[in-house]
Amino acid sequence: MRATRYPNYFDYNLVRVERDPRMSVEELVCFTDEALAGLGHRRIDVEDIAAAESLRAGFKARGWKTMRLLCMSYHAGPAPRSGAPVEEASYDAMRALRIAWHREDFPDQDAGEYHQQARDVALS
């Protein structure tokens, strides 16, 4: 997937692998380098758990960061109210927090363009 309007927004610019790709890590990296050429990052999402686990060590050995993503579904009623006030904040009021979270994973990356494009996406 590629969103040329937002070249630094990595949630839109990535290679999504839905099933076992039957490719080595090196082949996936080469494919991704070509597919995401011109972008400042490389991201591969492998949705098949078994395939992802079989590739994890190879990506780590090449210096890639790996992460397991868990999606949960909640089927009960709403949580009891605590009485604590909840206020909606503007997108821009949380800029410092977003940058701090980003730096936890990417300490050497200038996040300026990414965060501007993320803001544009969120507010569109």
PDB file of N, CA and C in Angstrom:
ATOM      1  N   MET A   1       0.862  -1.162   0.000  1.00  0.00           N
ATOM      2  CA  MET A   1       0.000   0.000   0.000  1.00  0.00           C
ATOM      3  C   MET A   1       0.905   1.219   0.000  1.00  0.00           C
ATOM      4  N   ARG A   2       0.496   2.216  -0.732  1.00  0.00           N
ATOM      5  CA  ARG A   2       1.321   3.407  -0.850  1.00  0.00           C
ATOM      6  C   ARG A   2       0.424   4.629  -1.009  1.00  0.00           C
ATOM      7  N   ALA A   3       0.655   5.616  -0.179  1.00  0.00           N
ATOM      8  CA  ALA A   3      -0.093   6.870  -0.258  1.00  0.00           C
ATOM      9  C   ALA A   3       0.896   7.971  -0.587  1.00  0.00           C
ATOM     10  N   THR A   4       1.049   8.278  -1.868  1.00  0.00           N
ATOM     11  CA  THR A   4       2.071   9.236  -2.292  1.00  0.00           C
ATOM     12  C   THR A   4       1.828  10.633  -1.719  1.00  0.00           C
ATOM     13  N   ARG A   5       0.588  10.935  -1.362  1.00  0.00           N
ATOM     14  CA  ARG A   5       0.296  12.242  -0.764  1.00  0.00           C
ATOM     15  C   ARG A   5       0.927  12.375   0.623  1.00  0.00           C
ATOM     16  N   TYR A   6       1.134  11.225   1.297  1.00  0.00           N
ATOM     17  CA  TYR A   6       1.702  11.198   2.643  1.00  0.00           C
ATOM     18  C   TYR A   6       2.920  10.267   2.673  1.00  0.00           C
ATOM     19  N   PRO A   7       4.020  10.642   2.062  1.00  0.00           N
ATOM     20  CA  PRO A   7       5.148   9.726   1.929  1.00  0.00           C
ATOM     21  C   PRO A   7       5.835   9.330   3.233  1.00  0.00           C
ATOM     22  N   ASN A   8       5.667  10.084   4.282  1.00  0.00           N
ATOM     23  CA  ASN A   8       6.304   9.764   5.565  1.00  0.00           C
ATOM     24  C   ASN A   8       5.356   9.119   6.561  1.00  0.00           C
ATOM     25  N   TYR A   9       4.119   8.943   6.182  1.00  0.00           N
ATOM     26  CA  TYR A   9       3.117   8.378   7.092  1.00  0.00           C
ATOM     27  C   TYR A   9       3.122   6.864   6.926  1.00  0.00           C
ATOM     28  N   PHE A  10       3.840   6.174   7.814  1.00  0.00           N
ATOM     29  CA  PHE A  10       4.112   4.751   7.600  1.00  0.00           C
ATOM     30  C   PHE A  10       2.915   3.846   7.826  1.00  0.00           C
ATOM     31  N   ASP A  11       1.822   4.351   8.421  1.00  0.00           N
ATOM     32  CA  ASP A  11       0.628   3.515   8.541  1.00  0.00           C
ATOM     33  C   ASP A  11      -0.065   3.329   7.194  1.00  0.00           C
ATOM     34  N   TYR A  12       0.238   4.185   6.220  1.00  0.00           N
ATOM     35  CA  TYR A  12      -0.326   4.052   4.873  1.00  0.00           C
ATOM     36  C   TYR A  12       0.681   3.476   3.882  1.00  0.00           C
ATOM     37  N   ASN A  13       1.944   3.604   4.153  1.00  0.00           N
ATOM     38  CA  ASN A  13       2.987   3.190   3.207  1.00  0.00           C
ATOM     39  C   ASN A  13       3.694   1.962   3.763  1.00  0.00           C
ATOM     40  N   LEU A  14       3.266   0.805   3.306  1.00  0.00           N
ATOM     41  CA  LEU A  14       3.801  -0.440   3.844  1.00  0.00           C
ATOM     42  C   LEU A  14       3.535  -1.584   2.884  1.00  0.00           C
ATOM     43  N   VAL A  15       4.237  -2.677   3.105  1.00  0.00           N
ATOM     44  CA  VAL A  15       3.964  -3.924   2.394  1.00  0.00           C
ATOM     45  C   VAL A  15       3.157  -4.791   3.345  1.00  0.00           C
ATOM     46  N   ARG A  16       1.972  -5.176   2.913  1.00  0.00           N
ATOM     47  CA  ARG A  16       1.069  -5.992   3.740  1.00  0.00           C
ATOM     48  C   ARG A  16       1.100  -7.423   3.215  1.00  0.00           C
ATOM     49  N   VAL A  17       1.472  -8.344   4.086  1.00  0.00           N
ATOM     50  CA  VAL A  17       1.567  -9.763   3.735  1.00  0.00           C
ATOM     51  C   VAL A  17       0.421 -10.476   4.448  1.00  0.00           C
ATOM     52  N   GLU A  18      -0.589 -10.904   3.701  1.00  0.00           N
ATOM     53  CA  GLU A  18      -1.785 -11.487   4.311  1.00  0.00           C
ATOM     54  C   GLU A  18      -1.630 -12.966   4.631  1.00  0.00           C
ATOM     55  N   ARG A  19      -0.882 -13.692   3.810  1.00  0.00           N
ATOM     56  CA  ARG A  19      -0.687 -15.132   4.000  1.00  0.00           C
ATOM     57  C   ARG A  19       0.809 -15.417   4.003  1.00  0.00           C
ATOM     58  N   ASP A  20       1.163 -16.667   4.192  1.00  0.00           N
ATOM     59  CA  ASP A  20       2.573 -17.055   4.130  1.00  0.00           C
ATOM     60  C   ASP A  20       3.119 -16.643   2.765  1.00  0.00           C
ATOM     61  N   PRO A  21       4.103 -15.783   2.731  1.00  0.00           N
ATOM     62  CA  PRO A  21       4.586 -15.289   1.443  1.00  0.00           C
ATOM     63  C   PRO A  21       5.452 -16.298   0.677  1.00  0.00           C
ATOM     64  N   ARG A  22       5.874 -17.348   1.378  1.00  0.00           N
ATOM     65  CA  ARG A  22       6.790 -18.328   0.773  1.00  0.00           C
ATOM     66  C   ARG A  22       8.003 -17.627   0.167  1.00  0.00           C
ATOM     67  N   MET A  23       8.481 -16.644   0.914  1.00  0.00           N
ATOM     68  CA  MET A  23       9.661 -15.882   0.536  1.00  0.00           C
ATOM     69  C   MET A  23      10.582 -15.821   1.743  1.00  0.00           C
ATOM     70  N   SER A  24      11.856 -15.705   1.470  1.00  0.00           N
ATOM     71  CA  SER A  24      12.814 -15.522   2.551  1.00  0.00           C
ATOM     72  C   SER A  24      12.754 -14.074   3.037  1.00  0.00           C
ATOM     73  N   VAL A  25      13.365 -13.819   4.169  1.00  0.00           N
ATOM     74  CA  VAL A  25      13.444 -12.448   4.673  1.00  0.00           C
ATOM     75  C   VAL A  25      14.148 -11.571   3.649  1.00  0.00           C
ATOM     76  N   GLU A  26      15.231 -12.073   3.076  1.00  0.00           N
ATOM     77  CA  GLU A  26      15.977 -11.296   2.078  1.00  0.00           C
ATOM     78  C   GLU A  26      15.096 -10.947   0.881  1.00  0.00           C
ATOM     79  N   GLU A  27      14.286 -11.890   0.421  1.00  0.00           N
ATOM     80  CA  GLU A  27      13.384 -11.624  -0.707  1.00  0.00           C
ATOM     81  C   GLU A  27      12.323 -10.589  -0.331  1.00  0.00           C
ATOM     82  N   LEU A  28      11.790 -10.683   0.876  1.00  0.00           N
ATOM     83  CA  LEU A  28      10.801  -9.702   1.331  1.00  0.00           C
ATOM     84  C   LEU A  28      11.418  -8.308   1.441  1.00  0.00           C
ATOM     85  N   VAL A  29      12.629  -8.240   1.968  1.00  0.00           N
ATOM     86  CA  VAL A  29      13.311  -6.950   2.092  1.00  0.00           C
ATOM     87  C   VAL A  29      13.550  -6.343   0.714  1.00  0.00           C
ATOM     88  N   CYS A  30      14.001  -7.139  -0.236  1.00  0.00           N
ATOM     89  CA  CYS A  30      14.237  -6.642  -1.600  1.00  0.00           C
ATOM     90  C   CYS A  30      12.933  -6.147  -2.236  1.00  0.00           C
ATOM     91  N   PHE A  31      11.862  -6.931  -2.074  1.00  0.00           N
ATOM     92  CA  PHE A  31      10.567  -6.523  -2.611  1.00  0.00           C
ATOM     93  C   PHE A  31      10.117  -5.208  -1.981  1.00  0.00           C
ATOM     94  N   THR A  32      10.267  -5.104  -0.672  1.00  0.00           N
ATOM     95  CA  THR A  32       9.853  -3.906   0.054  1.00  0.00           C
ATOM     96  C   THR A  32      10.686  -2.697  -0.355  1.00  0.00           C
ATOM     97  N   ASP A  33      11.997  -2.894  -0.532  1.00  0.00           N
ATOM     98  CA  ASP A  33      12.849  -1.791  -0.981  1.00  0.00           C
ATOM     99  C   ASP A  33      12.358  -1.231  -2.314  1.00  0.00           C
ATOM    100  N   GLU A  34      11.941  -2.118  -3.195  1.00  0.00           N
ATOM    101  CA  GLU A  34      11.446  -1.669  -4.502  1.00  0.00           C
ATOM    102  C   GLU A  34      10.061  -1.027  -4.373  1.00  0.00           C
ATOM    103  N   ALA A  35       9.167  -1.661  -3.639  1.00  0.00           N
ATOM    104  CA  ALA A  35       7.796  -1.173  -3.519  1.00  0.00           C
ATOM    105  C   ALA A  35       7.718   0.174  -2.792  1.00  0.00           C
ATOM    106  N   LEU A  36       8.608   0.399  -1.844  1.00  0.00           N
ATOM    107  CA  LEU A  36       8.577   1.626  -1.042  1.00  0.00           C
ATOM    108  C   LEU A  36       9.728   2.571  -1.388  1.00  0.00           C
ATOM    109  N   ALA A  37      10.296   2.400  -2.572  1.00  0.00           N
ATOM    110  CA  ALA A  37      11.400   3.263  -3.002  1.00  0.00           C
ATOM    111  C   ALA A  37      10.975   4.726  -2.929  1.00  0.00           C
ATOM    112  N   GLY A  38      11.871   5.563  -2.446  1.00  0.00           N
ATOM    113  CA  GLY A  38      11.599   6.982  -2.334  1.00  0.00           C
ATOM    114  C   GLY A  38      11.003   7.397  -1.004  1.00  0.00           C
ATOM    115  N   LEU A  39      10.620   6.426  -0.184  1.00  0.00           N
ATOM    116  CA  LEU A  39      10.093   6.737   1.134  1.00  0.00           C
ATOM    117  C   LEU A  39      11.212   6.634   2.159  1.00  0.00           C
ATOM    118  N   GLY A  40      11.062   7.297   3.288  1.00  0.00           N
ATOM    119  CA  GLY A  40      12.103   7.328   4.304  1.00  0.00           C
ATOM    120  C   GLY A  40      12.051   6.168   5.272  1.00  0.00           C
ATOM    121  N   HIS A  41      11.244   5.165   4.992  1.00  0.00           N
ATOM    122  CA  HIS A  41      11.108   4.049   5.934  1.00  0.00           C
ATOM    123  C   HIS A  41      10.735   2.781   5.178  1.00  0.00           C
ATOM    124  N   ARG A  42      10.834   1.669   5.858  1.00  0.00           N
ATOM    125  CA  ARG A  42      10.384   0.380   5.325  1.00  0.00           C
ATOM    126  C   ARG A  42       9.528  -0.278   6.395  1.00  0.00           C
ATOM    127  N   ARG A  43       8.328  -0.702   6.029  1.00  0.00           N
ATOM    128  CA  ARG A  43       7.447  -1.392   6.972  1.00  0.00           C
ATOM    129  C   ARG A  43       6.807  -2.571   6.255  1.00  0.00           C
ATOM    130  N   ILE A  44       6.828  -3.700   6.930  1.00  0.00           N
ATOM    131  CA  ILE A  44       6.180  -4.909   6.432  1.00  0.00           C
ATOM    132  C   ILE A  44       5.254  -5.407   7.532  1.00  0.00           C
ATOM    133  N   ASP A  45       3.983  -5.572   7.217  1.00  0.00           N
ATOM    134  CA  ASP A  45       3.016  -6.150   8.153  1.00  0.00           C
ATOM    135  C   ASP A  45       2.715  -7.571   7.683  1.00  0.00           C
ATOM    136  N   VAL A  46       3.070  -8.557   8.503  1.00  0.00           N
ATOM    137  CA  VAL A  46       2.801  -9.960   8.188  1.00  0.00           C
ATOM    138  C   VAL A  46       1.641 -10.398   9.068  1.00  0.00           C
ATOM    139  N   GLU A  47       0.498 -10.673   8.462  1.00  0.00           N
ATOM    140  CA  GLU A  47      -0.713 -10.965   9.228  1.00  0.00           C
ATOM    141  C   GLU A  47      -0.823 -12.418   9.662  1.00  0.00           C
ATOM    142  N   ASP A  48      -0.239 -13.336   8.934  1.00  0.00           N
ATOM    143  CA  ASP A  48      -0.276 -14.752   9.297  1.00  0.00           C
ATOM    144  C   ASP A  48       0.716 -14.981  10.435  1.00  0.00           C
ATOM    145  N   ILE A  49       0.214 -15.398  11.592  1.00  0.00           N
ATOM    146  CA  ILE A  49       1.051 -15.510  12.788  1.00  0.00           C
ATOM    147  C   ILE A  49       2.205 -16.486  12.587  1.00  0.00           C
ATOM    148  N   ALA A  50       1.927 -17.651  12.041  1.00  0.00           N
ATOM    149  CA  ALA A  50       2.985 -18.651  11.844  1.00  0.00           C
ATOM    150  C   ALA A  50       4.058 -18.126  10.891  1.00  0.00           C
ATOM    151  N   ALA A  51       3.632 -17.485   9.813  1.00  0.00           N
ATOM    152  CA  ALA A  51       4.600 -16.926   8.863  1.00  0.00           C
ATOM    153  C   ALA A  51       5.424 -15.828   9.531  1.00  0.00           C
ATOM    154  N   ALA A  52       4.757 -14.970  10.292  1.00  0.00           N
ATOM    155  CA  ALA A  52       5.458 -13.876  10.966  1.00  0.00           C
ATOM    156  C   ALA A  52       6.506 -14.410  11.931  1.00  0.00           C
ATOM    157  N   GLU A  53       6.134 -15.406  12.722  1.00  0.00           N
ATOM    158  CA  GLU A  53       7.079 -15.967  13.691  1.00  0.00           C
ATOM    159  C   GLU A  53       8.273 -16.620  12.994  1.00  0.00           C
ATOM    160  N   SER A  54       8.038 -17.248  11.856  1.00  0.00           N
ATOM    161  CA  SER A  54       9.148 -17.901  11.152  1.00  0.00           C
ATOM    162  C   SER A  54      10.123 -16.880  10.552  1.00  0.00           C
ATOM    163  N   LEU A  55       9.670 -15.649  10.352  1.00  0.00           N
ATOM    164  CA  LEU A  55      10.502 -14.600   9.754  1.00  0.00           C
ATOM    165  C   LEU A  55      11.134 -13.669  10.792  1.00  0.00           C
ATOM    166  N   ARG A  56      10.599 -13.663  11.994  1.00  0.00           N
ATOM    167  CA  ARG A  56      11.003 -12.696  13.022  1.00  0.00           C
ATOM    168  C   ARG A  56      12.515 -12.653  13.256  1.00  0.00           C
ATOM    169  N   ALA A  57      13.134 -13.791  13.493  1.00  0.00           N
ATOM    170  CA  ALA A  57      14.577 -13.819  13.801  1.00  0.00           C
ATOM    171  C   ALA A  57      15.398 -13.260  12.644  1.00  0.00           C
ATOM    172  N   GLY A  58      14.990 -13.557  11.418  1.00  0.00           N
ATOM    173  CA  GLY A  58      15.706 -13.049  10.249  1.00  0.00           C
ATOM    174  C   GLY A  58      15.626 -11.539  10.133  1.00  0.00           C
ATOM    175  N   PHE A  59      14.470 -10.974  10.428  1.00  0.00           N
ATOM    176  CA  PHE A  59      14.342  -9.512  10.408  1.00  0.00           C
ATOM    177  C   PHE A  59      15.184  -8.885  11.510  1.00  0.00           C
ATOM    178  N   LYS A  60      15.138  -9.458  12.703  1.00  0.00           N
ATOM    179  CA  LYS A  60      15.945  -8.924  13.814  1.00  0.00           C
ATOM    180  C   LYS A  60      17.433  -8.977  13.481  1.00  0.00           C
ATOM    181  N   ALA A  61      17.878 -10.074  12.867  1.00  0.00           N
ATOM    182  CA  ALA A  61      19.290 -10.224  12.506  1.00  0.00           C
ATOM    183  C   ALA A  61      19.727  -9.153  11.508  1.00  0.00           C
ATOM    184  N   ARG A  62      18.800  -8.640  10.728  1.00  0.00           N
ATOM    185  CA  ARG A  62      19.109  -7.596   9.747  1.00  0.00           C
ATOM    186  C   ARG A  62      18.886  -6.185  10.304  1.00  0.00           C
ATOM    187  N   GLY A  63      18.584  -6.099  11.602  1.00  0.00           N
ATOM    188  CA  GLY A  63      18.426  -4.798  12.242  1.00  0.00           C
ATOM    189  C   GLY A  63      17.023  -4.223  12.199  1.00  0.00           C
ATOM    190  N   TRP A  64      16.057  -4.990  11.746  1.00  0.00           N
ATOM    191  CA  TRP A  64      14.676  -4.519  11.718  1.00  0.00           C
ATOM    192  C   TRP A  64      14.073  -4.614  13.112  1.00  0.00           C
ATOM    193  N   LYS A  65      13.167  -3.715  13.437  1.00  0.00           N
ATOM    194  CA  LYS A  65      12.407  -3.803  14.678  1.00  0.00           C
ATOM    195  C   LYS A  65      11.186  -4.663  14.401  1.00  0.00           C
ATOM    196  N   THR A  66      10.894  -5.568  15.304  1.00  0.00           N
ATOM    197  CA  THR A  66       9.711  -6.402  15.147  1.00  0.00           C
ATOM    198  C   THR A  66       8.753  -6.144  16.296  1.00  0.00           C
ATOM    199  N   MET A  67       7.474  -6.333  16.014  1.00  0.00           N
ATOM    200  CA  MET A  67       6.456  -6.065  17.015  1.00  0.00           C
ATOM    201  C   MET A  67       5.273  -6.992  16.757  1.00  0.00           C
ATOM    202  N   ARG A  68       4.747  -7.545  17.825  1.00  0.00           N
ATOM    203  CA  ARG A  68       3.512  -8.324  17.727  1.00  0.00           C
ATOM    204  C   ARG A  68       2.348  -7.385  18.009  1.00  0.00           C
ATOM    205  N   LEU A  69       1.325  -7.465  17.186  1.00  0.00           N
ATOM    206  CA  LEU A  69       0.141  -6.637  17.372  1.00  0.00           C
ATOM    207  C   LEU A  69      -1.024  -7.531  17.745  1.00  0.00           C
ATOM    208  N   LEU A  70      -1.687  -7.178  18.807  1.00  0.00           N
ATOM    209  CA  LEU A  70      -2.823  -7.956  19.291  1.00  0.00           C
ATOM    210  C   LEU A  70      -4.087  -7.125  19.137  1.00  0.00           C
ATOM    211  N   CYS A  71      -5.089  -7.721  18.516  1.00  0.00           N
ATOM    212  CA  CYS A  71      -6.398  -7.068  18.403  1.00  0.00           C
ATOM    213  C   CYS A  71      -7.370  -7.834  19.283  1.00  0.00           C
ATOM    214  N   MET A  72      -8.132  -7.102  20.082  1.00  0.00           N
ATOM    215  CA  MET A  72      -9.090  -7.749  20.972  1.00  0.00           C
ATOM    216  C   MET A  72     -10.477  -7.207  20.660  1.00  0.00           C
ATOM    217  N   SER A  73     -11.462  -8.021  20.946  1.00  0.00           N
ATOM    218  CA  SER A  73     -12.850  -7.638  20.760  1.00  0.00           C
ATOM    219  C   SER A  73     -13.563  -7.752  22.097  1.00  0.00           C
ATOM    220  N   TYR A  74     -14.261  -6.708  22.483  1.00  0.00           N
ATOM    221  CA  TYR A  74     -14.946  -6.655  23.770  1.00  0.00           C
ATOM    222  C   TYR A  74     -16.441  -6.792  23.520  1.00  0.00           C
ATOM    223  N   HIS A  75     -17.069  -7.790  24.158  1.00  0.00           N
ATOM    224  CA  HIS A  75     -18.475  -8.061  23.893  1.00  0.00           C
ATOM    225  C   HIS A  75     -19.376  -7.864  25.111  1.00  0.00           C
ATOM    226  N   ALA A  76     -18.951  -7.141  26.103  1.00  0.00           N
ATOM    227  CA  ALA A  76     -19.775  -6.889  27.283  1.00  0.00           C
ATOM    228  C   ALA A  76     -20.382  -5.497  27.161  1.00  0.00           C
ATOM    229  N   GLY A  77     -21.131  -5.122  28.154  1.00  0.00           N
ATOM    230  CA  GLY A  77     -21.734  -3.801  28.169  1.00  0.00           C
ATOM    231  C   GLY A  77     -20.700  -2.732  28.458  1.00  0.00           C
ATOM    232  N   PRO A  78     -21.124  -1.488  28.485  1.00  0.00           N
ATOM    233  CA  PRO A  78     -20.186  -0.405  28.765  1.00  0.00           C
ATOM    234  C   PRO A  78     -19.621  -0.513  30.179  1.00  0.00           C
ATOM    235  N   ALA A  79     -18.417  -0.023  30.352  1.00  0.00           N
ATOM    236  CA  ALA A  79     -17.769  -0.034  31.668  1.00  0.00           C
ATOM    237  C   ALA A  79     -18.515   0.899  32.607  1.00  0.00           C
ATOM    238  N   PRO A  80     -18.502   0.585  33.896  1.00  0.00           N
ATOM    239  CA  PRO A  80     -19.175   1.486  34.844  1.00  0.00           C
ATOM    240  C   PRO A  80     -18.500   2.858  34.847  1.00  0.00           C
ATOM    241  N   ARG A  81     -19.286   3.874  35.029  1.00  0.00           N
ATOM    242  CA  ARG A  81     -18.739   5.238  35.043  1.00  0.00           C
ATOM    243  C   ARG A  81     -18.022   5.490  36.363  1.00  0.00           C
ATOM    244  N   SER A  82     -16.876   6.130  36.287  1.00  0.00           N
ATOM    245  CA  SER A  82     -16.093   6.395  37.489  1.00  0.00           C
ATOM    246  C   SER A  82     -16.406   7.758  38.082  1.00  0.00           C
ATOM    247  N   GLY A  83     -17.055   8.584  37.336  1.00  0.00           N
ATOM    248  CA  GLY A  83     -17.332   9.931  37.824  1.00  0.00           C
ATOM    249  C   GLY A  83     -16.212  10.905  37.502  1.00  0.00           C
ATOM    250  N   ALA A  84     -15.088  10.388  36.980  1.00  0.00           N
ATOM    251  CA  ALA A  84     -13.977  11.268  36.625  1.00  0.00           C
ATOM    252  C   ALA A  84     -14.349  12.055  35.370  1.00  0.00           C
ATOM    253  N   PRO A  85     -14.057  13.336  35.351  1.00  0.00           N
ATOM    254  CA  PRO A  85     -14.406  14.128  34.165  1.00  0.00           C
ATOM    255  C   PRO A  85     -13.517  13.737  32.975  1.00  0.00           C
ATOM    256  N   VAL A  86     -14.121  13.716  31.812  1.00  0.00           N
ATOM    257  CA  VAL A  86     -13.398  13.420  30.575  1.00  0.00           C
ATOM    258  C   VAL A  86     -13.598  14.600  29.646  1.00  0.00           C
ATOM    259  N   GLU A  87     -12.500  15.108  29.120  1.00  0.00           N
ATOM    260  CA  GLU A  87     -12.574  16.244  28.208  1.00  0.00           C
ATOM    261  C   GLU A  87     -11.873  15.878  26.913  1.00  0.00           C
ATOM    262  N   GLU A  88     -12.466  16.255  25.814  1.00  0.00           N
ATOM    263  CA  GLU A  88     -11.830  16.051  24.525  1.00  0.00           C
ATOM    264  C   GLU A  88     -10.819  17.175  24.314  1.00  0.00           C
ATOM    265  N   ALA A  89      -9.612  16.800  23.918  1.00  0.00           N
ATOM    266  CA  ALA A  89      -8.556  17.781  23.669  1.00  0.00           C
ATOM    267  C   ALA A  89      -8.380  17.954  22.166  1.00  0.00           C
ATOM    268  N   SER A  90      -7.909  19.101  21.764  1.00  0.00           N
ATOM    269  CA  SER A  90      -7.659  19.322  20.339  1.00  0.00           C
ATOM    270  C   SER A  90      -6.467  18.463  19.906  1.00  0.00           C
ATOM    271  N   TYR A  91      -6.422  18.171  18.652  1.00  0.00           N
ATOM    272  CA  TYR A  91      -5.320  17.367  18.114  1.00  0.00           C
ATOM    273  C   TYR A  91      -3.978  18.019  18.436  1.00  0.00           C
ATOM    274  N   ASP A  92      -3.886  19.310  18.221  1.00  0.00           N
ATOM    275  CA  ASP A  92      -2.615  20.014  18.412  1.00  0.00           C
ATOM    276  C   ASP A  92      -2.176  20.086  19.871  1.00  0.00           C
ATOM    277  N   ALA A  93      -3.098  19.993  20.812  1.00  0.00           N
ATOM    278  CA  ALA A  93      -2.741  20.037  22.229  1.00  0.00           C
ATOM    279  C   ALA A  93      -1.920  18.813  22.643  1.00  0.00           C
ATOM    280  N   MET A  94      -1.996  17.747  21.893  1.00  0.00           N
ATOM    281  CA  MET A  94      -1.285  16.509  22.224  1.00  0.00           C
ATOM    282  C   MET A  94      -0.003  16.307  21.408  1.00  0.00           C
ATOM    283  N   ARG A  95       0.428  17.324  20.688  1.00  0.00           N
ATOM    284  CA  ARG A  95       1.613  17.208  19.829  1.00  0.00           C
ATOM    285  C   ARG A  95       2.849  16.734  20.600  1.00  0.00           C
ATOM    286  N   ALA A  96       3.134  17.334  21.734  1.00  0.00           N
ATOM    287  CA  ALA A  96       4.327  16.962  22.512  1.00  0.00           C
ATOM    288  C   ALA A  96       4.265  15.493  22.934  1.00  0.00           C
ATOM    289  N   LEU A  97       3.091  15.024  23.327  1.00  0.00           N
ATOM    290  CA  LEU A  97       2.934  13.628  23.714  1.00  0.00           C
ATOM    291  C   LEU A  97       3.154  12.697  22.521  1.00  0.00           C
ATOM    292  N   ARG A  98       2.592  13.040  21.369  1.00  0.00           N
ATOM    293  CA  ARG A  98       2.790  12.217  20.171  1.00  0.00           C
ATOM    294  C   ARG A  98       4.268  12.135  19.786  1.00  0.00           C
ATOM    295  N   ILE A  99       4.967  13.239  19.870  1.00  0.00           N
ATOM    296  CA  ILE A  99       6.390  13.255  19.533  1.00  0.00           C
ATOM    297  C   ILE A  99       7.176  12.410  20.532  1.00  0.00           C
ATOM    298  N   ALA A 100       6.858  12.512  21.805  1.00  0.00           N
ATOM    299  CA  ALA A 100       7.544  11.703  22.828  1.00  0.00           C
ATOM    300  C   ALA A 100       7.314  10.214  22.572  1.00  0.00           C
ATOM    301  N   TRP A 101       6.098   9.815  22.253  1.00  0.00           N
ATOM    302  CA  TRP A 101       5.816   8.401  21.953  1.00  0.00           C
ATOM    303  C   TRP A 101       6.592   7.948  20.723  1.00  0.00           C
ATOM    304  N   HIS A 102       6.644   8.787  19.720  1.00  0.00           N
ATOM    305  CA  HIS A 102       7.364   8.451  18.487  1.00  0.00           C
ATOM    306  C   HIS A 102       8.857   8.250  18.770  1.00  0.00           C
ATOM    307  N   ARG A 103       9.418   9.112  19.592  1.00  0.00           N
ATOM    308  CA  ARG A 103      10.856   9.013  19.909  1.00  0.00           C
ATOM    309  C   ARG A 103      11.205   7.764  20.709  1.00  0.00           C
ATOM    310  N   GLU A 104      10.226   7.185  21.409  1.00  0.00           N
ATOM    311  CA  GLU A 104      10.493   5.937  22.124  1.00  0.00           C
ATOM    312  C   GLU A 104      10.896   4.827  21.151  1.00  0.00           C
ATOM    313  N   ASP A 105      10.255   4.786  19.999  1.00  0.00           N
ATOM    314  CA  ASP A 105      10.560   3.759  18.999  1.00  0.00           C
ATOM    315  C   ASP A 105      11.584   4.205  17.975  1.00  0.00           C
ATOM    316  N   PHE A 106      11.638   5.499  17.682  1.00  0.00           N
ATOM    317  CA  PHE A 106      12.522   6.010  16.631  1.00  0.00           C
ATOM    318  C   PHE A 106      13.328   7.202  17.150  1.00  0.00           C
ATOM    319  N   PRO A 107      14.257   6.963  18.073  1.00  0.00           N
ATOM    320  CA  PRO A 107      14.963   8.084  18.711  1.00  0.00           C
ATOM    321  C   PRO A 107      15.824   8.910  17.770  1.00  0.00           C
ATOM    322  N   ASP A 108      16.271   8.331  16.671  1.00  0.00           N
ATOM    323  CA  ASP A 108      17.171   9.056  15.762  1.00  0.00           C
ATOM    324  C   ASP A 108      16.448   9.688  14.582  1.00  0.00           C
ATOM    325  N   GLN A 109      15.136   9.571  14.532  1.00  0.00           N
ATOM    326  CA  GLN A 109      14.378  10.045  13.383  1.00  0.00           C
ATOM    327  C   GLN A 109      13.784  11.418  13.646  1.00  0.00           C
ATOM    328  N   ASP A 110      13.919  12.313  12.667  1.00  0.00           N
ATOM    329  CA  ASP A 110      13.247  13.604  12.743  1.00  0.00           C
ATOM    330  C   ASP A 110      11.782  13.358  12.392  1.00  0.00           C
ATOM    331  N   ALA A 111      10.926  13.546  13.340  1.00  0.00           N
ATOM    332  CA  ALA A 111       9.524  13.189  13.173  1.00  0.00           C
ATOM    333  C   ALA A 111       8.664  14.324  12.631  1.00  0.00           C
ATOM    334  N   GLY A 112       9.258  15.456  12.301  1.00  0.00           N
ATOM    335  CA  GLY A 112       8.480  16.622  11.882  1.00  0.00           C
ATOM    336  C   GLY A 112       7.545  16.358  10.717  1.00  0.00           C
ATOM    337  N   GLU A 113       8.065  15.845   9.613  1.00  0.00           N
ATOM    338  CA  GLU A 113       7.217  15.588   8.445  1.00  0.00           C
ATOM    339  C   GLU A 113       6.195  14.499   8.725  1.00  0.00           C
ATOM    340  N   TYR A 114       6.613  13.460   9.444  1.00  0.00           N
ATOM    341  CA  TYR A 114       5.674  12.379   9.775  1.00  0.00           C
ATOM    342  C   TYR A 114       4.487  12.939  10.546  1.00  0.00           C
ATOM    343  N   HIS A 115       4.760  13.725  11.585  1.00  0.00           N
ATOM    344  CA  HIS A 115       3.678  14.217  12.425  1.00  0.00           C
ATOM    345  C   HIS A 115       2.783  15.215  11.698  1.00  0.00           C
ATOM    346  N   GLN A 116       3.330  15.984  10.789  1.00  0.00           N
ATOM    347  CA  GLN A 116       2.490  16.888   9.999  1.00  0.00           C
ATOM    348  C   GLN A 116       1.559  16.075   9.101  1.00  0.00           C
ATOM    349  N   GLN A 117       2.089  15.017   8.484  1.00  0.00           N
ATOM    350  CA  GLN A 117       1.244  14.188   7.625  1.00  0.00           C
ATOM    351  C   GLN A 117       0.226  13.385   8.453  1.00  0.00           C
ATOM    352  N   ALA A 118       0.624  12.914   9.626  1.00  0.00           N
ATOM    353  CA  ALA A 118      -0.317  12.216  10.499  1.00  0.00           C
ATOM    354  C   ALA A 118      -1.449  13.155  10.919  1.00  0.00           C
ATOM    355  N   ARG A 119      -1.129  14.407  11.188  1.00  0.00           N
ATOM    356  CA  ARG A 119      -2.148  15.396  11.552  1.00  0.00           C
ATOM    357  C   ARG A 119      -3.107  15.598  10.396  1.00  0.00           C
ATOM    358  N   ASP A 120      -2.570  15.754   9.178  1.00  0.00           N
ATOM    359  CA  ASP A 120      -3.418  15.950   7.998  1.00  0.00           C
ATOM    360  C   ASP A 120      -4.376  14.780   7.812  1.00  0.00           C
ATOM    361  N   VAL A 121      -3.860  13.555   8.014  1.00  0.00           N
ATOM    362  CA  VAL A 121      -4.702  12.354   7.867  1.00  0.00           C
ATOM    363  C   VAL A 121      -5.787  12.357   8.944  1.00  0.00           C
ATOM    364  N   ALA A 122      -5.405  12.602  10.190  1.00  0.00           N
ATOM    365  CA  ALA A 122      -6.376  12.544  11.295  1.00  0.00           C
ATOM    366  C   ALA A 122      -7.470  13.597  11.167  1.00  0.00           C
ATOM    367  N   LEU A 123      -7.126  14.755  10.654  1.00  0.00           N
ATOM    368  CA  LEU A 123      -8.106  15.821  10.567  1.00  0.00           C
ATOM    369  C   LEU A 123      -8.891  15.831   9.253  1.00  0.00           C
ATOM    370  N   SER A 124      -8.543  14.926   8.341  1.00  0.00           N
ATOM    371  CA  SER A 124      -9.267  14.885   7.066  1.00  0.00           C
ATOM    372  C   SER A 124     -10.588  14.151   7.186  1.00  0.00           C
TER     373      SER A 124
END
